[in-house]
């Protein structure tokens, strides 16, 4: 019985043997698979090794530790971000760049958790941040105000990624509110139903970034 319980432990199941030589690149890809499927907190060297069908200690020939693997994963995400063409209109330039960043975060939401914890992102993104700063300066944001506006837009982007699934479920429920809810909370129901009716009419993320810039510009 004791032997059977060990075999039933998902972390101790026989490993999937994959073809191919173990490399740093394969380890980073496997790490991203684990982070996407289970979240950043679940990312361990053991789970990555299991995903690769390898022994845990074999990974240390290619990555120093979990932190080194994470930094490599972040650089891989940054490397794959396609930089949008420049726009003459500074508002549209910022909207386009933040939309690009948002799509990258949506594909790998674990990145937001990594950054929120105080870690530095990929240096490959710095050219996009430079373009945002130049566009904010063109909108007359000066010195510290430009940096604060950038952080406000970035934090909004983080929030959208972290809550979007729950927000979409709430909007779906709002399309058929219960009579008791309508009676007790008419203002909430009215505005939720209005928001649900606007779904698909335009990109809400882009609209909100544009609105923040237009309303808060000097």
N, C-alpha and C. Protein backbone atom coordinates (compact mmCIF):
# COMPACT_ATOMS: atom_id res chain seq x y z
N UNK A 1 0.83 -1.21 0.00
CA UNK A 1 0.00 0.00 0.00
C UNK A 1 0.87 1.26 0.00
N UNK A 2 1.94 1.22 0.79
CA UNK A 2 2.81 2.39 0.90
C UNK A 2 3.47 2.68 -0.44
N UNK A 3 3.89 1.61 -1.13
CA UNK A 3 4.53 1.77 -2.44
C UNK A 3 3.55 2.37 -3.44
N UNK A 4 2.29 1.97 -3.37
CA UNK A 4 1.29 2.45 -4.31
C UNK A 4 1.04 3.95 -4.12
N UNK A 5 1.02 4.42 -2.87
CA UNK A 5 0.78 5.83 -2.61
C UNK A 5 1.90 6.69 -3.19
N UNK A 6 3.13 6.17 -3.17
CA UNK A 6 4.25 6.91 -3.74
C UNK A 6 4.08 7.04 -5.25
N UNK A 7 3.67 5.97 -5.89
CA UNK A 7 3.48 6.00 -7.33
C UNK A 7 2.35 6.92 -7.73
N UNK A 8 1.37 7.10 -6.84
CA UNK A 8 0.25 7.96 -7.16
C UNK A 8 0.57 9.44 -6.97
N UNK A 9 1.68 9.76 -6.34
CA UNK A 9 2.09 11.15 -6.18
C UNK A 9 2.45 11.70 -7.55
N UNK A 10 1.73 12.77 -8.02
CA UNK A 10 1.98 13.27 -9.38
C UNK A 10 3.40 13.75 -9.60
N UNK A 11 4.07 14.16 -8.51
CA UNK A 11 5.45 14.63 -8.67
C UNK A 11 6.44 13.48 -8.77
N UNK A 12 6.00 12.26 -8.40
CA UNK A 12 6.89 11.11 -8.44
C UNK A 12 6.53 10.12 -9.55
N UNK A 13 5.64 10.55 -10.44
CA UNK A 13 5.26 9.65 -11.52
C UNK A 13 6.45 9.46 -12.47
N UNK A 14 6.47 8.37 -13.24
CA UNK A 14 7.56 8.17 -14.19
C UNK A 14 7.66 9.36 -15.15
N UNK A 15 8.86 9.82 -15.39
CA UNK A 15 9.04 11.00 -16.22
C UNK A 15 8.81 10.69 -17.68
N UNK A 16 8.29 11.73 -18.39
CA UNK A 16 8.12 11.62 -19.83
C UNK A 16 9.49 11.82 -20.47
N UNK A 17 9.98 10.84 -21.16
CA UNK A 17 11.30 10.97 -21.78
C UNK A 17 11.15 11.64 -23.14
N UNK A 18 11.74 12.82 -23.27
CA UNK A 18 11.65 13.54 -24.52
C UNK A 18 12.95 13.38 -25.30
N UNK A 19 12.79 13.36 -26.61
CA UNK A 19 13.98 13.25 -27.46
C UNK A 19 14.72 14.59 -27.46
N UNK A 20 16.01 14.54 -27.69
CA UNK A 20 16.77 15.77 -27.82
C UNK A 20 17.67 16.02 -26.62
N UNK A 21 18.75 16.72 -26.90
CA UNK A 21 19.74 17.04 -25.88
C UNK A 21 19.22 18.17 -24.99
N UNK A 22 19.50 18.09 -23.71
CA UNK A 22 19.10 19.13 -22.77
C UNK A 22 19.97 20.37 -22.98
N UNK A 23 19.33 21.52 -23.19
CA UNK A 23 20.04 22.78 -23.39
C UNK A 23 19.38 23.87 -22.54
N UNK A 24 20.07 24.98 -22.38
CA UNK A 24 19.50 26.11 -21.64
C UNK A 24 18.20 26.59 -22.30
N UNK A 25 18.21 26.64 -23.63
CA UNK A 25 17.02 27.09 -24.36
C UNK A 25 15.81 26.20 -24.07
N UNK A 26 16.01 24.89 -24.08
CA UNK A 26 14.91 23.96 -23.79
C UNK A 26 14.43 24.11 -22.36
N UNK A 27 15.35 24.34 -21.44
CA UNK A 27 14.97 24.52 -20.04
C UNK A 27 14.12 25.78 -19.88
N UNK A 28 14.50 26.87 -20.54
CA UNK A 28 13.73 28.11 -20.45
C UNK A 28 12.33 27.94 -21.03
N UNK A 29 12.24 27.23 -22.15
CA UNK A 29 10.92 26.97 -22.76
C UNK A 29 10.05 26.13 -21.82
N UNK A 30 10.65 25.12 -21.20
CA UNK A 30 9.90 24.29 -20.27
C UNK A 30 9.47 25.10 -19.05
N UNK A 31 10.35 25.98 -18.58
CA UNK A 31 9.99 26.85 -17.47
C UNK A 31 8.79 27.73 -17.81
N UNK A 32 8.75 28.23 -19.02
CA UNK A 32 7.62 29.05 -19.45
C UNK A 32 6.34 28.22 -19.52
N UNK A 33 6.46 26.98 -19.97
CA UNK A 33 5.28 26.09 -20.00
C UNK A 33 4.72 25.88 -18.60
N UNK A 34 5.59 25.64 -17.64
CA UNK A 34 5.16 25.42 -16.26
C UNK A 34 4.52 26.69 -15.70
N UNK A 35 5.16 27.85 -15.92
CA UNK A 35 4.65 29.11 -15.39
C UNK A 35 3.30 29.46 -16.00
N UNK A 36 3.12 29.19 -17.30
CA UNK A 36 1.83 29.46 -17.94
C UNK A 36 0.74 28.55 -17.41
N UNK A 37 1.07 27.30 -17.19
CA UNK A 37 0.06 26.32 -16.78
C UNK A 37 -0.27 26.39 -15.30
N UNK A 38 0.73 26.66 -14.46
CA UNK A 38 0.54 26.54 -13.01
C UNK A 38 0.81 27.82 -12.23
N UNK A 39 1.34 28.85 -12.90
CA UNK A 39 1.63 30.10 -12.21
C UNK A 39 3.05 30.17 -11.70
N UNK A 40 3.47 31.38 -11.37
CA UNK A 40 4.86 31.60 -10.97
C UNK A 40 5.21 30.90 -9.67
N UNK A 41 4.29 30.86 -8.72
CA UNK A 41 4.58 30.24 -7.42
C UNK A 41 4.87 28.75 -7.55
N UNK A 42 4.29 28.12 -8.58
CA UNK A 42 4.47 26.67 -8.76
C UNK A 42 5.75 26.33 -9.53
N UNK A 43 6.44 27.35 -10.02
CA UNK A 43 7.63 27.09 -10.83
C UNK A 43 8.78 26.61 -9.95
N UNK A 44 9.13 25.35 -10.10
CA UNK A 44 10.26 24.76 -9.37
C UNK A 44 11.16 24.04 -10.36
N UNK A 45 12.39 23.85 -9.97
CA UNK A 45 13.32 23.11 -10.82
C UNK A 45 12.82 21.69 -11.05
N UNK A 46 12.18 21.13 -10.04
CA UNK A 46 11.70 19.75 -10.15
C UNK A 46 10.59 19.63 -11.19
N UNK A 47 9.64 20.60 -11.18
CA UNK A 47 8.56 20.53 -12.17
C UNK A 47 9.07 20.77 -13.58
N UNK A 48 10.05 21.65 -13.72
CA UNK A 48 10.63 21.89 -15.04
C UNK A 48 11.35 20.63 -15.53
N UNK A 49 12.08 19.99 -14.64
CA UNK A 49 12.75 18.73 -15.01
C UNK A 49 11.74 17.68 -15.41
N UNK A 50 10.62 17.62 -14.68
CA UNK A 50 9.57 16.65 -15.00
C UNK A 50 8.98 16.94 -16.38
N UNK A 51 8.78 18.21 -16.69
CA UNK A 51 8.25 18.59 -18.00
C UNK A 51 9.20 18.17 -19.12
N UNK A 52 10.48 18.19 -18.83
CA UNK A 52 11.49 17.82 -19.82
C UNK A 52 11.78 16.32 -19.84
N UNK A 53 11.27 15.60 -18.82
CA UNK A 53 11.60 14.18 -18.71
C UNK A 53 13.05 13.98 -18.33
N UNK A 54 13.55 14.86 -17.47
CA UNK A 54 14.96 14.83 -17.10
C UNK A 54 15.09 14.78 -15.58
N UNK A 55 16.29 14.48 -15.11
CA UNK A 55 16.57 14.55 -13.69
C UNK A 55 16.77 16.00 -13.26
N UNK A 56 16.35 16.34 -12.06
CA UNK A 56 16.45 17.73 -11.59
C UNK A 56 17.89 18.23 -11.62
N UNK A 57 18.83 17.42 -11.18
CA UNK A 57 20.22 17.86 -11.11
C UNK A 57 20.81 18.15 -12.49
N UNK A 58 20.24 17.54 -13.53
CA UNK A 58 20.75 17.77 -14.89
C UNK A 58 20.56 19.23 -15.32
N UNK A 59 19.53 19.88 -14.77
CA UNK A 59 19.25 21.26 -15.13
C UNK A 59 20.37 22.21 -14.71
N UNK A 60 21.04 21.87 -13.61
CA UNK A 60 22.05 22.77 -13.05
C UNK A 60 23.33 22.83 -13.89
N UNK A 61 23.41 22.02 -14.91
CA UNK A 61 24.53 22.15 -15.85
C UNK A 61 24.31 23.33 -16.80
N UNK A 62 23.06 23.81 -16.86
CA UNK A 62 22.71 24.85 -17.84
C UNK A 62 22.15 26.12 -17.21
N UNK A 63 21.58 26.02 -16.01
CA UNK A 63 21.11 27.20 -15.28
C UNK A 63 21.67 27.13 -13.86
N UNK A 64 21.99 28.28 -13.30
CA UNK A 64 22.60 28.30 -11.96
C UNK A 64 21.59 27.89 -10.90
N UNK A 65 20.38 28.46 -11.00
CA UNK A 65 19.33 28.19 -10.02
C UNK A 65 18.00 28.69 -10.59
N UNK A 66 16.96 28.69 -9.78
CA UNK A 66 15.64 29.13 -10.23
C UNK A 66 15.67 30.59 -10.66
N UNK A 67 16.36 31.44 -9.92
CA UNK A 67 16.42 32.86 -10.28
C UNK A 67 17.08 33.07 -11.64
N UNK A 68 18.14 32.33 -11.90
CA UNK A 68 18.81 32.42 -13.19
C UNK A 68 17.88 31.97 -14.30
N UNK A 69 17.12 30.91 -14.05
CA UNK A 69 16.16 30.42 -15.03
C UNK A 69 15.08 31.48 -15.29
N UNK A 70 14.58 32.11 -14.23
CA UNK A 70 13.56 33.15 -14.37
C UNK A 70 14.07 34.33 -15.19
N UNK A 71 15.29 34.76 -14.91
CA UNK A 71 15.85 35.88 -15.68
C UNK A 71 15.96 35.52 -17.16
N UNK A 72 16.34 34.29 -17.43
CA UNK A 72 16.41 33.84 -18.81
C UNK A 72 15.04 33.81 -19.47
N UNK A 73 14.03 33.39 -18.72
CA UNK A 73 12.66 33.36 -19.24
C UNK A 73 12.17 34.77 -19.56
N UNK A 74 12.48 35.73 -18.67
CA UNK A 74 12.09 37.12 -18.88
C UNK A 74 12.75 37.67 -20.15
N UNK A 75 14.03 37.36 -20.34
CA UNK A 75 14.73 37.82 -21.54
C UNK A 75 14.12 37.20 -22.79
N UNK A 76 13.68 35.95 -22.69
CA UNK A 76 13.06 35.27 -23.82
C UNK A 76 11.75 35.95 -24.20
N UNK A 77 10.95 36.32 -23.20
CA UNK A 77 9.70 37.05 -23.46
C UNK A 77 10.02 38.38 -24.15
N UNK A 78 11.00 39.12 -23.60
CA UNK A 78 11.37 40.40 -24.19
C UNK A 78 11.86 40.28 -25.62
N UNK A 79 12.60 39.21 -25.88
CA UNK A 79 13.15 38.97 -27.22
C UNK A 79 12.04 38.77 -28.25
N UNK A 80 10.90 38.23 -27.81
CA UNK A 80 9.82 37.89 -28.75
C UNK A 80 8.81 39.01 -28.96
N UNK A 81 8.96 40.10 -28.22
CA UNK A 81 8.04 41.23 -28.39
C UNK A 81 8.38 41.94 -29.71
N UNK A 82 7.40 42.04 -30.59
CA UNK A 82 7.58 42.72 -31.87
C UNK A 82 7.30 44.21 -31.66
N UNK A 83 8.31 45.05 -31.88
CA UNK A 83 8.16 46.49 -31.66
C UNK A 83 7.29 47.10 -32.76
N UNK A 84 6.24 47.82 -32.39
CA UNK A 84 5.36 48.41 -33.41
C UNK A 84 6.04 49.58 -34.11
N UNK A 85 5.62 49.88 -35.34
CA UNK A 85 6.19 51.04 -36.04
C UNK A 85 5.85 52.34 -35.31
N UNK A 86 6.71 53.32 -35.44
CA UNK A 86 6.50 54.59 -34.75
C UNK A 86 5.32 55.36 -35.34
N UNK A 87 4.62 56.07 -34.46
CA UNK A 87 3.50 56.92 -34.88
C UNK A 87 3.88 58.39 -34.64
N UNK A 88 3.41 59.27 -35.51
CA UNK A 88 3.69 60.69 -35.35
C UNK A 88 2.89 61.28 -34.18
N UNK A 89 1.67 60.80 -33.99
CA UNK A 89 0.82 61.28 -32.90
C UNK A 89 1.31 60.65 -31.59
N UNK A 90 1.76 61.45 -30.61
CA UNK A 90 2.31 60.87 -29.38
C UNK A 90 1.31 60.03 -28.59
N UNK A 91 0.03 60.40 -28.62
CA UNK A 91 -0.98 59.60 -27.91
C UNK A 91 -1.08 58.22 -28.54
N UNK A 92 -1.18 58.18 -29.87
CA UNK A 92 -1.30 56.89 -30.56
C UNK A 92 -0.02 56.08 -30.45
N UNK A 93 1.12 56.75 -30.38
CA UNK A 93 2.40 56.06 -30.17
C UNK A 93 2.37 55.31 -28.84
N UNK A 94 1.92 55.99 -27.78
CA UNK A 94 1.87 55.38 -26.45
C UNK A 94 0.83 54.26 -26.41
N UNK A 95 -0.33 54.49 -27.02
CA UNK A 95 -1.38 53.47 -27.06
C UNK A 95 -0.88 52.21 -27.75
N UNK A 96 -0.19 52.37 -28.88
CA UNK A 96 0.32 51.22 -29.63
C UNK A 96 1.36 50.44 -28.82
N UNK A 97 2.26 51.16 -28.16
CA UNK A 97 3.32 50.47 -27.41
C UNK A 97 2.74 49.74 -26.21
N UNK A 98 1.84 50.39 -25.47
CA UNK A 98 1.26 49.72 -24.32
C UNK A 98 0.38 48.54 -24.75
N UNK A 99 -0.26 48.64 -25.90
CA UNK A 99 -1.04 47.50 -26.41
C UNK A 99 -0.13 46.32 -26.72
N UNK A 100 1.05 46.61 -27.25
CA UNK A 100 2.05 45.56 -27.52
C UNK A 100 2.49 44.89 -26.22
N UNK A 101 2.79 45.71 -25.20
CA UNK A 101 3.20 45.18 -23.90
C UNK A 101 2.07 44.36 -23.28
N UNK A 102 0.85 44.87 -23.39
CA UNK A 102 -0.32 44.18 -22.84
C UNK A 102 -0.49 42.79 -23.46
N UNK A 103 -0.35 42.69 -24.77
CA UNK A 103 -0.48 41.39 -25.44
C UNK A 103 0.60 40.42 -24.97
N UNK A 104 1.81 40.93 -24.77
CA UNK A 104 2.89 40.06 -24.26
C UNK A 104 2.57 39.57 -22.86
N UNK A 105 2.03 40.44 -22.01
CA UNK A 105 1.65 40.05 -20.65
C UNK A 105 0.50 39.06 -20.66
N UNK A 106 -0.45 39.24 -21.57
CA UNK A 106 -1.60 38.32 -21.63
C UNK A 106 -1.14 36.92 -22.03
N UNK A 107 -0.14 36.85 -22.91
CA UNK A 107 0.39 35.54 -23.33
C UNK A 107 1.16 34.88 -22.20
N UNK A 108 1.80 35.68 -21.36
CA UNK A 108 2.59 35.16 -20.23
C UNK A 108 2.28 35.96 -18.97
N UNK A 109 1.09 35.75 -18.37
CA UNK A 109 0.69 36.55 -17.21
C UNK A 109 1.61 36.41 -16.01
N UNK A 110 2.39 35.34 -15.95
CA UNK A 110 3.34 35.17 -14.84
C UNK A 110 4.38 36.30 -14.82
N UNK A 111 4.61 36.92 -15.99
CA UNK A 111 5.57 38.02 -16.06
C UNK A 111 5.13 39.18 -15.15
N UNK A 112 3.81 39.44 -15.12
CA UNK A 112 3.30 40.53 -14.28
C UNK A 112 3.62 40.26 -12.81
N UNK A 113 3.38 39.03 -12.37
CA UNK A 113 3.71 38.68 -10.98
C UNK A 113 5.20 38.90 -10.70
N UNK A 114 6.03 38.52 -11.64
CA UNK A 114 7.48 38.68 -11.49
C UNK A 114 7.84 40.16 -11.34
N UNK A 115 7.23 41.02 -12.15
CA UNK A 115 7.55 42.45 -12.11
C UNK A 115 6.95 43.13 -10.89
N UNK A 116 5.74 42.73 -10.51
CA UNK A 116 5.08 43.32 -9.34
C UNK A 116 5.89 43.03 -8.07
N UNK A 117 6.59 41.91 -8.06
CA UNK A 117 7.42 41.56 -6.90
C UNK A 117 8.69 42.40 -6.80
N UNK A 118 8.87 43.34 -7.74
CA UNK A 118 10.01 44.26 -7.66
C UNK A 118 11.18 43.89 -8.53
N UNK A 119 11.02 42.90 -9.40
CA UNK A 119 12.11 42.48 -10.28
C UNK A 119 12.17 43.36 -11.53
N UNK A 120 13.32 43.42 -12.14
CA UNK A 120 13.54 44.22 -13.34
C UNK A 120 13.18 43.40 -14.57
N UNK A 121 12.51 44.05 -15.52
CA UNK A 121 12.13 43.37 -16.75
C UNK A 121 13.29 43.25 -17.73
N UNK A 122 12.98 42.75 -18.90
CA UNK A 122 14.00 42.54 -19.93
C UNK A 122 14.53 43.88 -20.46
N UNK A 123 15.84 43.95 -20.64
CA UNK A 123 16.44 45.15 -21.23
C UNK A 123 16.01 45.33 -22.68
N UNK A 124 15.52 44.27 -23.29
CA UNK A 124 15.07 44.36 -24.68
C UNK A 124 13.84 45.26 -24.81
N UNK A 125 13.17 45.52 -23.69
CA UNK A 125 11.98 46.37 -23.70
C UNK A 125 12.37 47.85 -23.53
N UNK A 126 13.59 48.13 -23.12
CA UNK A 126 14.00 49.51 -22.84
C UNK A 126 13.79 50.45 -24.04
N UNK A 127 14.05 50.02 -25.30
CA UNK A 127 13.77 50.92 -26.42
C UNK A 127 12.30 51.34 -26.50
N UNK A 128 11.38 50.45 -26.11
CA UNK A 128 9.96 50.82 -26.09
C UNK A 128 9.68 51.83 -24.99
N UNK A 129 10.30 51.63 -23.82
CA UNK A 129 10.13 52.58 -22.72
C UNK A 129 10.69 53.94 -23.11
N UNK A 130 11.82 53.95 -23.81
CA UNK A 130 12.40 55.21 -24.29
C UNK A 130 11.42 55.94 -25.21
N UNK A 131 10.79 55.20 -26.11
CA UNK A 131 9.81 55.81 -27.02
C UNK A 131 8.61 56.37 -26.25
N UNK A 132 8.17 55.66 -25.22
CA UNK A 132 7.06 56.16 -24.40
C UNK A 132 7.46 57.47 -23.73
N UNK A 133 8.68 57.53 -23.18
CA UNK A 133 9.15 58.74 -22.52
C UNK A 133 9.18 59.93 -23.49
N UNK A 134 9.68 59.69 -24.69
CA UNK A 134 9.72 60.76 -25.70
C UNK A 134 8.32 61.24 -26.06
N UNK A 135 7.38 60.30 -26.17
CA UNK A 135 6.00 60.66 -26.50
C UNK A 135 5.36 61.44 -25.35
N UNK A 136 5.63 61.04 -24.11
CA UNK A 136 5.10 61.77 -22.95
C UNK A 136 5.67 63.19 -22.89
N UNK A 137 6.95 63.32 -23.21
CA UNK A 137 7.55 64.66 -23.26
C UNK A 137 6.89 65.51 -24.34
N UNK A 138 6.55 64.88 -25.48
CA UNK A 138 5.87 65.61 -26.55
C UNK A 138 4.48 66.07 -26.11
N UNK A 139 3.89 65.36 -25.15
CA UNK A 139 2.59 65.75 -24.59
C UNK A 139 2.73 66.73 -23.43
N UNK A 140 3.96 67.21 -23.22
CA UNK A 140 4.26 68.24 -22.20
C UNK A 140 4.31 67.70 -20.77
N UNK A 141 4.47 66.38 -20.62
CA UNK A 141 4.77 65.84 -19.29
C UNK A 141 6.26 66.09 -19.05
N UNK A 142 6.58 66.77 -17.96
CA UNK A 142 7.97 67.15 -17.71
C UNK A 142 8.55 66.39 -16.53
N UNK A 143 9.82 65.95 -16.69
CA UNK A 143 10.57 65.36 -15.59
C UNK A 143 9.83 64.26 -14.87
N UNK A 144 9.62 64.48 -13.57
CA UNK A 144 8.98 63.47 -12.74
C UNK A 144 7.56 63.15 -13.17
N UNK A 145 6.85 64.12 -13.76
CA UNK A 145 5.47 63.86 -14.19
C UNK A 145 5.43 62.82 -15.31
N UNK A 146 6.41 62.85 -16.21
CA UNK A 146 6.46 61.85 -17.28
C UNK A 146 6.66 60.45 -16.70
N UNK A 147 7.56 60.34 -15.74
CA UNK A 147 7.82 59.03 -15.13
C UNK A 147 6.61 58.54 -14.34
N UNK A 148 5.94 59.46 -13.62
CA UNK A 148 4.75 59.07 -12.85
C UNK A 148 3.62 58.64 -13.78
N UNK A 149 3.48 59.32 -14.91
CA UNK A 149 2.43 58.95 -15.86
C UNK A 149 2.74 57.58 -16.46
N UNK A 150 3.99 57.35 -16.78
CA UNK A 150 4.38 56.03 -17.30
C UNK A 150 4.02 54.93 -16.31
N UNK A 151 4.34 55.15 -15.04
CA UNK A 151 4.03 54.14 -14.02
C UNK A 151 2.54 53.95 -13.84
N UNK A 152 1.76 55.02 -13.94
CA UNK A 152 0.31 54.89 -13.84
C UNK A 152 -0.23 54.01 -14.96
N UNK A 153 0.24 54.25 -16.18
CA UNK A 153 -0.20 53.44 -17.33
C UNK A 153 0.27 51.99 -17.19
N UNK A 154 1.49 51.81 -16.69
CA UNK A 154 2.02 50.46 -16.50
C UNK A 154 1.22 49.70 -15.44
N UNK A 155 0.90 50.37 -14.35
CA UNK A 155 0.13 49.72 -13.28
C UNK A 155 -1.29 49.39 -13.74
N UNK A 156 -1.86 50.26 -14.57
CA UNK A 156 -3.17 49.94 -15.16
C UNK A 156 -3.06 48.67 -16.02
N UNK A 157 -1.98 48.58 -16.78
CA UNK A 157 -1.76 47.40 -17.63
C UNK A 157 -1.62 46.14 -16.78
N UNK A 158 -0.84 46.22 -15.70
CA UNK A 158 -0.73 45.08 -14.78
C UNK A 158 -2.12 44.65 -14.30
N UNK A 159 -2.91 45.64 -13.85
CA UNK A 159 -4.23 45.34 -13.30
C UNK A 159 -5.14 44.66 -14.30
N UNK A 160 -5.12 45.14 -15.54
CA UNK A 160 -5.96 44.54 -16.58
C UNK A 160 -5.60 43.07 -16.79
N UNK A 161 -4.31 42.77 -16.79
CA UNK A 161 -3.88 41.38 -16.99
C UNK A 161 -4.30 40.50 -15.81
N UNK A 162 -4.15 41.03 -14.59
CA UNK A 162 -4.42 40.23 -13.39
C UNK A 162 -5.91 39.96 -13.18
N UNK A 163 -6.78 40.87 -13.63
CA UNK A 163 -8.21 40.72 -13.29
C UNK A 163 -9.10 40.45 -14.50
N UNK A 164 -8.53 40.38 -15.70
CA UNK A 164 -9.37 40.35 -16.90
C UNK A 164 -10.33 39.16 -16.93
N UNK A 165 -9.87 37.97 -16.52
CA UNK A 165 -10.74 36.80 -16.59
C UNK A 165 -11.95 36.96 -15.68
N UNK A 166 -11.71 37.43 -14.44
CA UNK A 166 -12.82 37.66 -13.52
C UNK A 166 -13.74 38.75 -14.01
N UNK A 167 -13.18 39.81 -14.59
CA UNK A 167 -13.99 40.92 -15.09
C UNK A 167 -14.88 40.45 -16.24
N UNK A 168 -14.36 39.61 -17.10
CA UNK A 168 -15.16 39.10 -18.22
C UNK A 168 -16.29 38.21 -17.73
N UNK A 169 -16.03 37.42 -16.68
CA UNK A 169 -17.10 36.58 -16.12
C UNK A 169 -18.20 37.45 -15.51
N UNK A 170 -17.81 38.53 -14.82
CA UNK A 170 -18.81 39.42 -14.23
C UNK A 170 -19.66 40.08 -15.31
N UNK A 171 -19.03 40.48 -16.41
CA UNK A 171 -19.79 41.09 -17.50
C UNK A 171 -20.74 40.09 -18.14
N UNK A 172 -20.30 38.83 -18.25
CA UNK A 172 -21.17 37.80 -18.81
C UNK A 172 -22.40 37.59 -17.94
N UNK A 173 -22.22 37.57 -16.62
CA UNK A 173 -23.34 37.42 -15.69
C UNK A 173 -24.27 38.62 -15.75
N UNK A 174 -23.71 39.78 -16.03
CA UNK A 174 -24.50 41.01 -16.04
C UNK A 174 -25.50 41.05 -17.18
N UNK A 175 -25.28 40.24 -18.20
CA UNK A 175 -26.21 40.24 -19.33
C UNK A 175 -27.56 39.64 -18.96
N UNK A 176 -27.59 38.82 -17.89
CA UNK A 176 -28.85 38.25 -17.41
C UNK A 176 -28.93 38.38 -15.89
N UNK A 177 -29.07 39.61 -15.39
CA UNK A 177 -29.09 39.81 -13.94
C UNK A 177 -30.36 39.25 -13.31
N UNK A 178 -30.25 38.77 -12.10
CA UNK A 178 -31.41 38.27 -11.37
C UNK A 178 -32.31 39.43 -10.98
N UNK A 179 -33.64 39.22 -10.99
CA UNK A 179 -34.58 40.30 -10.63
C UNK A 179 -34.29 40.92 -9.27
N UNK A 180 -33.92 40.09 -8.29
CA UNK A 180 -33.63 40.61 -6.96
C UNK A 180 -32.43 41.55 -6.98
N UNK A 181 -31.43 41.19 -7.79
CA UNK A 181 -30.24 42.04 -7.91
C UNK A 181 -30.61 43.38 -8.55
N UNK A 182 -31.44 43.32 -9.59
CA UNK A 182 -31.89 44.54 -10.26
C UNK A 182 -32.62 45.47 -9.30
N UNK A 183 -33.43 44.87 -8.44
CA UNK A 183 -34.23 45.65 -7.51
C UNK A 183 -33.37 46.28 -6.40
N UNK A 184 -32.43 45.51 -5.87
CA UNK A 184 -31.64 45.98 -4.73
C UNK A 184 -30.45 46.85 -5.12
N UNK A 185 -29.90 46.61 -6.31
CA UNK A 185 -28.70 47.34 -6.72
C UNK A 185 -28.86 47.87 -8.15
N UNK A 186 -29.82 48.75 -8.37
CA UNK A 186 -30.12 49.19 -9.73
C UNK A 186 -28.97 49.92 -10.42
N UNK A 187 -28.20 50.73 -9.67
CA UNK A 187 -27.11 51.48 -10.30
C UNK A 187 -25.99 50.53 -10.75
N UNK A 188 -25.66 49.54 -9.90
CA UNK A 188 -24.65 48.55 -10.29
C UNK A 188 -25.10 47.80 -11.53
N UNK A 189 -26.35 47.31 -11.50
CA UNK A 189 -26.88 46.52 -12.62
C UNK A 189 -26.91 47.35 -13.90
N UNK A 190 -27.35 48.59 -13.78
CA UNK A 190 -27.47 49.47 -14.95
C UNK A 190 -26.12 49.67 -15.64
N UNK A 191 -25.10 49.94 -14.83
CA UNK A 191 -23.78 50.21 -15.41
C UNK A 191 -23.08 48.94 -15.89
N UNK A 192 -23.28 47.83 -15.18
CA UNK A 192 -22.73 46.56 -15.65
C UNK A 192 -23.34 46.15 -16.98
N UNK A 193 -24.66 46.31 -17.10
CA UNK A 193 -25.34 45.94 -18.35
C UNK A 193 -24.88 46.84 -19.50
N UNK A 194 -24.65 48.12 -19.20
CA UNK A 194 -24.17 49.04 -20.23
C UNK A 194 -22.77 48.63 -20.70
N UNK A 195 -21.90 48.27 -19.73
CA UNK A 195 -20.54 47.84 -20.08
C UNK A 195 -20.57 46.54 -20.87
N UNK A 196 -21.45 45.61 -20.47
CA UNK A 196 -21.57 44.34 -21.18
C UNK A 196 -22.03 44.56 -22.61
N UNK A 197 -22.91 45.53 -22.80
CA UNK A 197 -23.41 45.83 -24.14
C UNK A 197 -22.36 46.43 -25.06
N UNK A 198 -21.32 47.03 -24.46
CA UNK A 198 -20.25 47.64 -25.25
C UNK A 198 -19.15 46.66 -25.63
N UNK A 199 -19.20 45.44 -25.09
CA UNK A 199 -18.15 44.46 -25.39
C UNK A 199 -18.08 44.20 -26.89
N UNK A 200 -16.88 44.21 -27.41
CA UNK A 200 -16.68 43.92 -28.83
C UNK A 200 -16.79 45.14 -29.72
N UNK A 201 -17.31 46.28 -29.18
CA UNK A 201 -17.44 47.47 -30.02
C UNK A 201 -16.08 48.10 -30.31
N UNK A 202 -15.14 48.01 -29.38
CA UNK A 202 -13.77 48.50 -29.58
C UNK A 202 -12.89 47.87 -28.51
N UNK A 203 -11.59 48.04 -28.66
CA UNK A 203 -10.66 47.47 -27.69
C UNK A 203 -10.70 48.30 -26.41
N UNK A 204 -11.25 47.76 -25.30
CA UNK A 204 -11.36 48.56 -24.08
C UNK A 204 -10.01 48.97 -23.50
N UNK A 205 -9.00 48.13 -23.68
CA UNK A 205 -7.68 48.48 -23.16
C UNK A 205 -7.15 49.73 -23.87
N UNK A 206 -7.19 49.72 -25.19
CA UNK A 206 -6.71 50.88 -25.93
C UNK A 206 -7.53 52.12 -25.61
N UNK A 207 -8.83 51.94 -25.52
CA UNK A 207 -9.71 53.08 -25.22
C UNK A 207 -9.36 53.70 -23.87
N UNK A 208 -9.10 52.85 -22.88
CA UNK A 208 -8.82 53.36 -21.54
C UNK A 208 -7.44 54.02 -21.44
N UNK A 209 -6.44 53.46 -22.13
CA UNK A 209 -5.12 54.10 -22.16
C UNK A 209 -5.24 55.48 -22.80
N UNK A 210 -5.97 55.54 -23.91
CA UNK A 210 -6.16 56.82 -24.61
C UNK A 210 -6.89 57.82 -23.71
N UNK A 211 -7.89 57.33 -23.00
CA UNK A 211 -8.68 58.20 -22.11
C UNK A 211 -7.82 58.75 -20.97
N UNK A 212 -6.99 57.90 -20.39
CA UNK A 212 -6.09 58.34 -19.31
C UNK A 212 -5.15 59.44 -19.81
N UNK A 213 -4.59 59.23 -20.98
CA UNK A 213 -3.65 60.23 -21.53
C UNK A 213 -4.34 61.55 -21.82
N UNK A 214 -5.52 61.46 -22.44
CA UNK A 214 -6.22 62.69 -22.82
C UNK A 214 -6.72 63.47 -21.61
N UNK A 215 -7.18 62.75 -20.59
CA UNK A 215 -7.74 63.43 -19.42
C UNK A 215 -6.67 63.96 -18.47
N UNK A 216 -5.48 63.35 -18.49
CA UNK A 216 -4.45 63.74 -17.53
C UNK A 216 -3.30 64.53 -18.14
N UNK A 217 -3.38 64.80 -19.44
CA UNK A 217 -2.31 65.59 -20.08
C UNK A 217 -2.31 67.01 -19.53
N UNK A 218 -1.12 67.60 -19.38
CA UNK A 218 -1.01 68.97 -18.84
C UNK A 218 -1.76 69.98 -19.72
